[in-house]
Amino acid sequence: MQELIIASATWCQPCKFLKTRLEQEDMLGDVIIKDASVDFEFFKERNIKSVPQLLIIANGLVIESVYGEESIVERIMAER
């Protein structure tokens, strides 16, 4: 089973817009959101330098990374 995790940050405007859009389109329940200031170890372990970023994880490994609001929304929709 795949996990959809969004690397985000509270100070990031595109991240805020993405979260709002996911809420509006009832897709927020399809993802886990990790915040840079709270989930520091998660970001460090995966060397995440850019947000927002969708990580698709299978068997504990990142199998795909998606950047950009539109691309992230499209990819989440494809998993539904």
PDB file of N, CA and C in Angstrom:
ATOM      1  N   MET A   1       0.837  -1.189   0.000  1.00  0.00           N
ATOM      2  CA  MET A   1       0.000   0.000   0.000  1.00  0.00           C
ATOM      3  C   MET A   1       0.879   1.247   0.000  1.00  0.00           C
ATOM      4  N   GLN A   2       0.462   2.224  -0.758  1.00  0.00           N
ATOM      5  CA  GLN A   2       1.226   3.467  -0.869  1.00  0.00           C
ATOM      6  C   GLN A   2       0.704   4.513   0.114  1.00  0.00           C
ATOM      7  N   GLU A   3       1.636   5.316   0.613  1.00  0.00           N
ATOM      8  CA  GLU A   3       1.288   6.469   1.433  1.00  0.00           C
ATOM      9  C   GLU A   3       1.524   7.719   0.609  1.00  0.00           C
ATOM     10  N   LEU A   4       0.634   8.680   0.742  1.00  0.00           N
ATOM     11  CA  LEU A   4       0.804   9.975   0.097  1.00  0.00           C
ATOM     12  C   LEU A   4       1.104  10.980   1.202  1.00  0.00           C
ATOM     13  N   ILE A   5       2.306  11.524   1.164  1.00  0.00           N
ATOM     14  CA  ILE A   5       2.736  12.462   2.199  1.00  0.00           C
ATOM     15  C   ILE A   5       3.132  13.776   1.551  1.00  0.00           C
ATOM     16  N   ILE A   6       2.575  14.853   2.075  1.00  0.00           N
ATOM     17  CA  ILE A   6       2.923  16.178   1.574  1.00  0.00           C
ATOM     18  C   ILE A   6       3.891  16.821   2.549  1.00  0.00           C
ATOM     19  N   ALA A   7       5.070  17.164   2.038  1.00  0.00           N
ATOM     20  CA  ALA A   7       6.053  17.922   2.814  1.00  0.00           C
ATOM     21  C   ALA A   7       5.645  19.389   2.686  1.00  0.00           C
ATOM     22  N   SER A   8       5.439  20.022   3.834  1.00  0.00           N
ATOM     23  CA  SER A   8       4.886  21.362   3.862  1.00  0.00           C
ATOM     24  C   SER A   8       5.603  22.202   4.922  1.00  0.00           C
ATOM     25  N   ALA A   9       5.233  23.472   4.995  1.00  0.00           N
ATOM     26  CA  ALA A   9       5.756  24.357   6.035  1.00  0.00           C
ATOM     27  C   ALA A   9       4.712  25.429   6.320  1.00  0.00           C
ATOM     28  N   THR A  10       4.575  25.786   7.577  1.00  0.00           N
ATOM     29  CA  THR A  10       3.562  26.772   7.958  1.00  0.00           C
ATOM     30  C   THR A  10       3.832  28.139   7.352  1.00  0.00           C
ATOM     31  N   TRP A  11       5.077  28.466   7.066  1.00  0.00           N
ATOM     32  CA  TRP A  11       5.442  29.769   6.516  1.00  0.00           C
ATOM     33  C   TRP A  11       5.337  29.822   4.986  1.00  0.00           C
ATOM     34  N   CYS A  12       5.036  28.708   4.364  1.00  0.00           N
ATOM     35  CA  CYS A  12       5.030  28.578   2.900  1.00  0.00           C
ATOM     36  C   CYS A  12       3.656  28.912   2.326  1.00  0.00           C
ATOM     37  N   GLN A  13       3.558  30.009   1.550  1.00  0.00           N
ATOM     38  CA  GLN A  13       2.280  30.404   0.949  1.00  0.00           C
ATOM     39  C   GLN A  13       1.737  29.353  -0.015  1.00  0.00           C
ATOM     40  N   PRO A  14       2.547  28.801  -0.929  1.00  0.00           N
ATOM     41  CA  PRO A  14       2.013  27.751  -1.810  1.00  0.00           C
ATOM     42  C   PRO A  14       1.492  26.542  -1.026  1.00  0.00           C
ATOM     43  N   CYS A  15       2.117  26.227   0.104  1.00  0.00           N
ATOM     44  CA  CYS A  15       1.651  25.114   0.941  1.00  0.00           C
ATOM     45  C   CYS A  15       0.276  25.424   1.523  1.00  0.00           C
ATOM     46  N   LYS A  16       0.081  26.664   1.950  1.00  0.00           N
ATOM     47  CA  LYS A  16      -1.210  27.082   2.495  1.00  0.00           C
ATOM     48  C   LYS A  16      -2.297  26.994   1.426  1.00  0.00           C
ATOM     49  N   PHE A  17      -1.985  27.477   0.225  1.00  0.00           N
ATOM     50  CA  PHE A  17      -2.943  27.403  -0.878  1.00  0.00           C
ATOM     51  C   PHE A  17      -3.283  25.949  -1.204  1.00  0.00           C
ATOM     52  N   LEU A  18      -2.261  25.092  -1.221  1.00  0.00           N
ATOM     53  CA  LEU A  18      -2.475  23.681  -1.520  1.00  0.00           C
ATOM     54  C   LEU A  18      -3.382  23.042  -0.471  1.00  0.00           C
ATOM     55  N   LYS A  19      -3.110  23.287   0.795  1.00  0.00           N
ATOM     56  CA  LYS A  19      -3.932  22.711   1.862  1.00  0.00           C
ATOM     57  C   LYS A  19      -5.383  23.176   1.737  1.00  0.00           C
ATOM     58  N   THR A  20      -5.593  24.459   1.470  1.00  0.00           N
ATOM     59  CA  THR A  20      -6.945  24.984   1.289  1.00  0.00           C
ATOM     60  C   THR A  20      -7.638  24.302   0.116  1.00  0.00           C
ATOM     61  N   ARG A  21      -6.925  24.147  -0.962  1.00  0.00           N
ATOM     62  CA  ARG A  21      -7.508  23.500  -2.147  1.00  0.00           C
ATOM     63  C   ARG A  21      -7.861  22.047  -1.870  1.00  0.00           C
ATOM     64  N   LEU A  22      -6.993  21.342  -1.172  1.00  0.00           N
ATOM     65  CA  LEU A  22      -7.285  19.950  -0.835  1.00  0.00           C
ATOM     66  C   LEU A  22      -8.511  19.854   0.059  1.00  0.00           C
ATOM     67  N   GLU A  23      -8.648  20.803   0.981  1.00  0.00           N
ATOM     68  CA  GLU A  23      -9.836  20.839   1.839  1.00  0.00           C
ATOM     69  C   GLU A  23     -11.088  21.067   1.001  1.00  0.00           C
ATOM     70  N   GLN A  24     -11.037  22.031   0.085  1.00  0.00           N
ATOM     71  CA  GLN A  24     -12.191  22.369  -0.747  1.00  0.00           C
ATOM     72  C   GLN A  24     -12.611  21.206  -1.642  1.00  0.00           C
ATOM     73  N   GLU A  25     -11.651  20.453  -2.112  1.00  0.00           N
ATOM     74  CA  GLU A  25     -11.947  19.342  -3.023  1.00  0.00           C
ATOM     75  C   GLU A  25     -12.090  18.011  -2.284  1.00  0.00           C
ATOM     76  N   ASP A  26     -12.180  18.090  -0.947  1.00  0.00           N
ATOM     77  CA  ASP A  26     -12.378  16.921  -0.095  1.00  0.00           C
ATOM     78  C   ASP A  26     -11.313  15.850  -0.327  1.00  0.00           C
ATOM     79  N   MET A  27     -10.056  16.280  -0.471  1.00  0.00           N
ATOM     80  CA  MET A  27      -8.946  15.346  -0.683  1.00  0.00           C
ATOM     81  C   MET A  27      -7.956  15.350   0.473  1.00  0.00           C
ATOM     82  N   LEU A  28      -8.200  16.177   1.479  1.00  0.00           N
ATOM     83  CA  LEU A  28      -7.245  16.284   2.578  1.00  0.00           C
ATOM     84  C   LEU A  28      -7.107  14.956   3.325  1.00  0.00           C
ATOM     85  N   GLY A  29      -8.185  14.180   3.363  1.00  0.00           N
ATOM     86  CA  GLY A  29      -8.141  12.883   4.033  1.00  0.00           C
ATOM     87  C   GLY A  29      -7.324  11.835   3.300  1.00  0.00           C
ATOM     88  N   ASP A  30      -6.950  12.118   2.061  1.00  0.00           N
ATOM     89  CA  ASP A  30      -6.182  11.166   1.263  1.00  0.00           C
ATOM     90  C   ASP A  30      -4.678  11.261   1.500  1.00  0.00           C
ATOM     91  N   VAL A  31      -4.257  12.289   2.240  1.00  0.00           N
ATOM     92  CA  VAL A  31      -2.823  12.530   2.411  1.00  0.00           C
ATOM     93  C   VAL A  31      -2.462  12.736   3.882  1.00  0.00           C
ATOM     94  N   ILE A  32      -1.184  12.581   4.144  1.00  0.00           N
ATOM     95  CA  ILE A  32      -0.604  12.931   5.445  1.00  0.00           C
ATOM     96  C   ILE A  32       0.223  14.179   5.199  1.00  0.00           C
ATOM     97  N   ILE A  33       0.071  15.179   6.044  1.00  0.00           N
ATOM     98  CA  ILE A  33       0.857  16.400   5.886  1.00  0.00           C
ATOM     99  C   ILE A  33       1.927  16.447   6.973  1.00  0.00           C
ATOM    100  N   LYS A  34       3.157  16.597   6.523  1.00  0.00           N
ATOM    101  CA  LYS A  34       4.295  16.732   7.438  1.00  0.00           C
ATOM    102  C   LYS A  34       4.780  18.177   7.346  1.00  0.00           C
ATOM    103  N   ASP A  35       4.980  18.808   8.497  1.00  0.00           N
ATOM    104  CA  ASP A  35       5.413  20.203   8.543  1.00  0.00           C
ATOM    105  C   ASP A  35       6.893  20.284   8.906  1.00  0.00           C
ATOM    106  N   ALA A  36       7.607  21.127   8.202  1.00  0.00           N
ATOM    107  CA  ALA A  36       9.056  21.254   8.382  1.00  0.00           C
ATOM    108  C   ALA A  36       9.439  21.610   9.814  1.00  0.00           C
ATOM    109  N   SER A  37       8.655  22.460  10.472  1.00  0.00           N
ATOM    110  CA  SER A  37       9.017  22.889  11.823  1.00  0.00           C
ATOM    111  C   SER A  37       8.664  21.848  12.879  1.00  0.00           C
ATOM    112  N   VAL A  38       7.761  20.923  12.571  1.00  0.00           N
ATOM    113  CA  VAL A  38       7.350  19.901  13.534  1.00  0.00           C
ATOM    114  C   VAL A  38       8.021  18.562  13.243  1.00  0.00           C
ATOM    115  N   ASP A  39       8.071  18.202  11.980  1.00  0.00           N
ATOM    116  CA  ASP A  39       8.577  16.895  11.557  1.00  0.00           C
ATOM    117  C   ASP A  39       9.999  17.006  10.999  1.00  0.00           C
ATOM    118  N   PHE A  40      10.867  17.675  11.743  1.00  0.00           N
ATOM    119  CA  PHE A  40      12.228  17.953  11.293  1.00  0.00           C
ATOM    120  C   PHE A  40      12.969  16.687  10.891  1.00  0.00           C
ATOM    121  N   GLU A  41      12.848  15.637  11.670  1.00  0.00           N
ATOM    122  CA  GLU A  41      13.571  14.393  11.374  1.00  0.00           C
ATOM    123  C   GLU A  41      13.108  13.781  10.042  1.00  0.00           C
ATOM    124  N   PHE A  42      11.815  13.842   9.783  1.00  0.00           N
ATOM    125  CA  PHE A  42      11.278  13.340   8.514  1.00  0.00           C
ATOM    126  C   PHE A  42      11.935  14.062   7.340  1.00  0.00           C
ATOM    127  N   PHE A  43      12.028  15.397   7.443  1.00  0.00           N
ATOM    128  CA  PHE A  43      12.641  16.205   6.388  1.00  0.00           C
ATOM    129  C   PHE A  43      14.134  15.896   6.266  1.00  0.00           C
ATOM    130  N   LYS A  44      14.790  15.765   7.393  1.00  0.00           N
ATOM    131  CA  LYS A  44      16.227  15.495   7.397  1.00  0.00           C
ATOM    132  C   LYS A  44      16.541  14.116   6.799  1.00  0.00           C
ATOM    133  N   GLU A  45      15.788  13.099   7.199  1.00  0.00           N
ATOM    134  CA  GLU A  45      16.013  11.733   6.704  1.00  0.00           C
ATOM    135  C   GLU A  45      15.828  11.630   5.194  1.00  0.00           C
ATOM    136  N   ARG A  46      14.923  12.419   4.645  1.00  0.00           N
ATOM    137  CA  ARG A  46      14.622  12.353   3.218  1.00  0.00           C
ATOM    138  C   ARG A  46      15.254  13.485   2.421  1.00  0.00           C
ATOM    139  N   ASN A  47      16.061  14.297   3.099  1.00  0.00           N
ATOM    140  CA  ASN A  47      16.780  15.402   2.470  1.00  0.00           C
ATOM    141  C   ASN A  47      15.837  16.322   1.679  1.00  0.00           C
ATOM    142  N   ILE A  48      14.712  16.651   2.281  1.00  0.00           N
ATOM    143  CA  ILE A  48      13.716  17.505   1.641  1.00  0.00           C
ATOM    144  C   ILE A  48      14.155  18.957   1.752  1.00  0.00           C
ATOM    145  N   LYS A  49      14.296  19.598   0.618  1.00  0.00           N
ATOM    146  CA  LYS A  49      14.753  20.985   0.553  1.00  0.00           C
ATOM    147  C   LYS A  49      13.707  21.923  -0.035  1.00  0.00           C
ATOM    148  N   SER A  50      12.646  21.358  -0.608  1.00  0.00           N
ATOM    149  CA  SER A  50      11.655  22.161  -1.320  1.00  0.00           C
ATOM    150  C   SER A  50      10.244  21.750  -0.898  1.00  0.00           C
ATOM    151  N   VAL A  51       9.398  22.749  -0.658  1.00  0.00           N
ATOM    152  CA  VAL A  51       7.999  22.506  -0.320  1.00  0.00           C
ATOM    153  C   VAL A  51       7.125  23.413  -1.163  1.00  0.00           C
ATOM    154  N   PRO A  52       5.898  23.039  -1.459  1.00  0.00           N
ATOM    155  CA  PRO A  52       5.283  21.751  -1.151  1.00  0.00           C
ATOM    156  C   PRO A  52       5.812  20.660  -2.081  1.00  0.00           C
ATOM    157  N   GLN A  53       5.796  19.477  -1.544  1.00  0.00           N
ATOM    158  CA  GLN A  53       6.275  18.311  -2.288  1.00  0.00           C
ATOM    159  C   GLN A  53       5.431  17.117  -1.867  1.00  0.00           C
ATOM    160  N   LEU A  54       4.942  16.384  -2.835  1.00  0.00           N
ATOM    161  CA  LEU A  54       4.208  15.161  -2.549  1.00  0.00           C
ATOM    162  C   LEU A  54       5.173  13.997  -2.668  1.00  0.00           C
ATOM    163  N   LEU A  55       5.249  13.208  -1.617  1.00  0.00           N
ATOM    164  CA  LEU A  55       6.074  12.003  -1.632  1.00  0.00           C
ATOM    165  C   LEU A  55       5.142  10.801  -1.680  1.00  0.00           C
ATOM    166  N   ILE A  56       5.393   9.924  -2.613  1.00  0.00           N
ATOM    167  CA  ILE A  56       4.634   8.685  -2.684  1.00  0.00           C
ATOM    168  C   ILE A  56       5.565   7.596  -2.175  1.00  0.00           C
ATOM    169  N   ILE A  57       5.139   6.969  -1.087  1.00  0.00           N
ATOM    170  CA  ILE A  57       5.999   6.018  -0.386  1.00  0.00           C
ATOM    171  C   ILE A  57       5.363   4.635  -0.413  1.00  0.00           C
ATOM    172  N   ALA A  58       6.156   3.651  -0.799  1.00  0.00           N
ATOM    173  CA  ALA A  58       5.724   2.250  -0.794  1.00  0.00           C
ATOM    174  C   ALA A  58       6.807   1.432  -0.105  1.00  0.00           C
ATOM    175  N   ASN A  59       6.404   0.610   0.811  1.00  0.00           N
ATOM    176  CA  ASN A  59       7.344  -0.229   1.564  1.00  0.00           C
ATOM    177  C   ASN A  59       8.453   0.595   2.208  1.00  0.00           C
ATOM    178  N   GLY A  60       8.112   1.781   2.668  1.00  0.00           N
ATOM    179  CA  GLY A  60       9.076   2.636   3.358  1.00  0.00           C
ATOM    180  C   GLY A  60      10.017   3.409   2.450  1.00  0.00           C
ATOM    181  N   LEU A  61       9.885   3.254   1.145  1.00  0.00           N
ATOM    182  CA  LEU A  61      10.768   3.938   0.203  1.00  0.00           C
ATOM    183  C   LEU A  61       9.997   4.948  -0.631  1.00  0.00           C
ATOM    184  N   VAL A  62      10.617   6.094  -0.872  1.00  0.00           N
ATOM    185  CA  VAL A  62      10.014   7.092  -1.751  1.00  0.00           C
ATOM    186  C   VAL A  62      10.143   6.595  -3.180  1.00  0.00           C
ATOM    187  N   ILE A  63       8.995   6.374  -3.819  1.00  0.00           N
ATOM    188  CA  ILE A  63       9.033   5.877  -5.195  1.00  0.00           C
ATOM    189  C   ILE A  63       8.755   6.983  -6.205  1.00  0.00           C
ATOM    190  N   GLU A  64       8.232   8.114  -5.702  1.00  0.00           N
ATOM    191  CA  GLU A  64       7.956   9.235  -6.591  1.00  0.00           C
ATOM    192  C   GLU A  64       7.853  10.514  -5.769  1.00  0.00           C
ATOM    193  N   SER A  65       8.332  11.609  -6.334  1.00  0.00           N
ATOM    194  CA  SER A  65       8.175  12.936  -5.740  1.00  0.00           C
ATOM    195  C   SER A  65       7.518  13.826  -6.781  1.00  0.00           C
ATOM    196  N   VAL A  66       6.541  14.620  -6.318  1.00  0.00           N
ATOM    197  CA  VAL A  66       5.810  15.504  -7.217  1.00  0.00           C
ATOM    198  C   VAL A  66       5.856  16.912  -6.641  1.00  0.00           C
ATOM    199  N   TYR A  67       6.149  17.885  -7.495  1.00  0.00           N
ATOM    200  CA  TYR A  67       6.262  19.277  -7.081  1.00  0.00           C
ATOM    201  C   TYR A  67       5.212  20.119  -7.790  1.00  0.00           C
ATOM    202  N   GLY A  68       4.796  21.204  -7.143  1.00  0.00           N
ATOM    203  CA  GLY A  68       3.857  22.140  -7.753  1.00  0.00           C
ATOM    204  C   GLY A  68       2.420  21.798  -7.426  1.00  0.00           C
ATOM    205  N   GLU A  69       1.638  22.822  -7.079  1.00  0.00           N
ATOM    206  CA  GLU A  69       0.260  22.621  -6.635  1.00  0.00           C
ATOM    207  C   GLU A  69      -0.569  21.808  -7.620  1.00  0.00           C
ATOM    208  N   GLU A  70      -0.590  22.215  -8.889  1.00  0.00           N
ATOM    209  CA  GLU A  70      -1.406  21.518  -9.894  1.00  0.00           C
ATOM    210  C   GLU A  70      -0.982  20.062 -10.047  1.00  0.00           C
ATOM    211  N   SER A  71       0.313  19.839 -10.136  1.00  0.00           N
ATOM    212  CA  SER A  71       0.819  18.471 -10.309  1.00  0.00           C
ATOM    213  C   SER A  71       0.498  17.606  -9.101  1.00  0.00           C
ATOM    214  N   ILE A  72       0.599  18.185  -7.914  1.00  0.00           N
ATOM    215  CA  ILE A  72       0.291  17.438  -6.692  1.00  0.00           C
ATOM    216  C   ILE A  72      -1.184  17.061  -6.660  1.00  0.00           C
ATOM    217  N   VAL A  73      -2.063  18.015  -6.937  1.00  0.00           N
ATOM    218  CA  VAL A  73      -3.505  17.733  -6.939  1.00  0.00           C
ATOM    219  C   VAL A  73      -3.839  16.657  -7.969  1.00  0.00           C
ATOM    220  N   GLU A  74      -3.289  16.779  -9.170  1.00  0.00           N
ATOM    221  CA  GLU A  74      -3.548  15.779 -10.211  1.00  0.00           C
ATOM    222  C   GLU A  74      -3.083  14.392  -9.792  1.00  0.00           C
ATOM    223  N   ARG A  75      -1.926  14.327  -9.154  1.00  0.00           N
ATOM    224  CA  ARG A  75      -1.374  13.023  -8.736  1.00  0.00           C
ATOM    225  C   ARG A  75      -2.219  12.395  -7.633  1.00  0.00           C
ATOM    226  N   ILE A  76      -2.701  13.210  -6.686  1.00  0.00           N
ATOM    227  CA  ILE A  76      -3.564  12.690  -5.627  1.00  0.00           C
ATOM    228  C   ILE A  76      -4.868  12.171  -6.232  1.00  0.00           C
ATOM    229  N   MET A  77      -5.418  12.906  -7.172  1.00  0.00           N
ATOM    230  CA  MET A  77      -6.655  12.478  -7.837  1.00  0.00           C
ATOM    231  C   MET A  77      -6.452  11.146  -8.559  1.00  0.00           C
ATOM    232  N   ALA A  78      -5.285  10.955  -9.131  1.00  0.00           N
ATOM    233  CA  ALA A  78      -4.990   9.718  -9.837  1.00  0.00           C
ATOM    234  C   ALA A  78      -4.944   8.515  -8.892  1.00  0.00           C
ATOM    235  N   GLU A  79      -4.662   8.749  -7.628  1.00  0.00           N
ATOM    236  CA  GLU A  79      -4.583   7.670  -6.642  1.00  0.00           C
ATOM    237  C   GLU A  79      -5.952   7.284  -6.092  1.00  0.00           C
ATOM    238  N   ARG A  80      -6.956   8.105  -6.334  1.00  0.00           N
ATOM    239  CA  ARG A  80      -8.300   7.843  -5.773  1.00  0.00           C
ATOM    240  C   ARG A  80      -8.967   6.685  -6.436  1.00  0.00           C
TER     241      ARG A  80
END
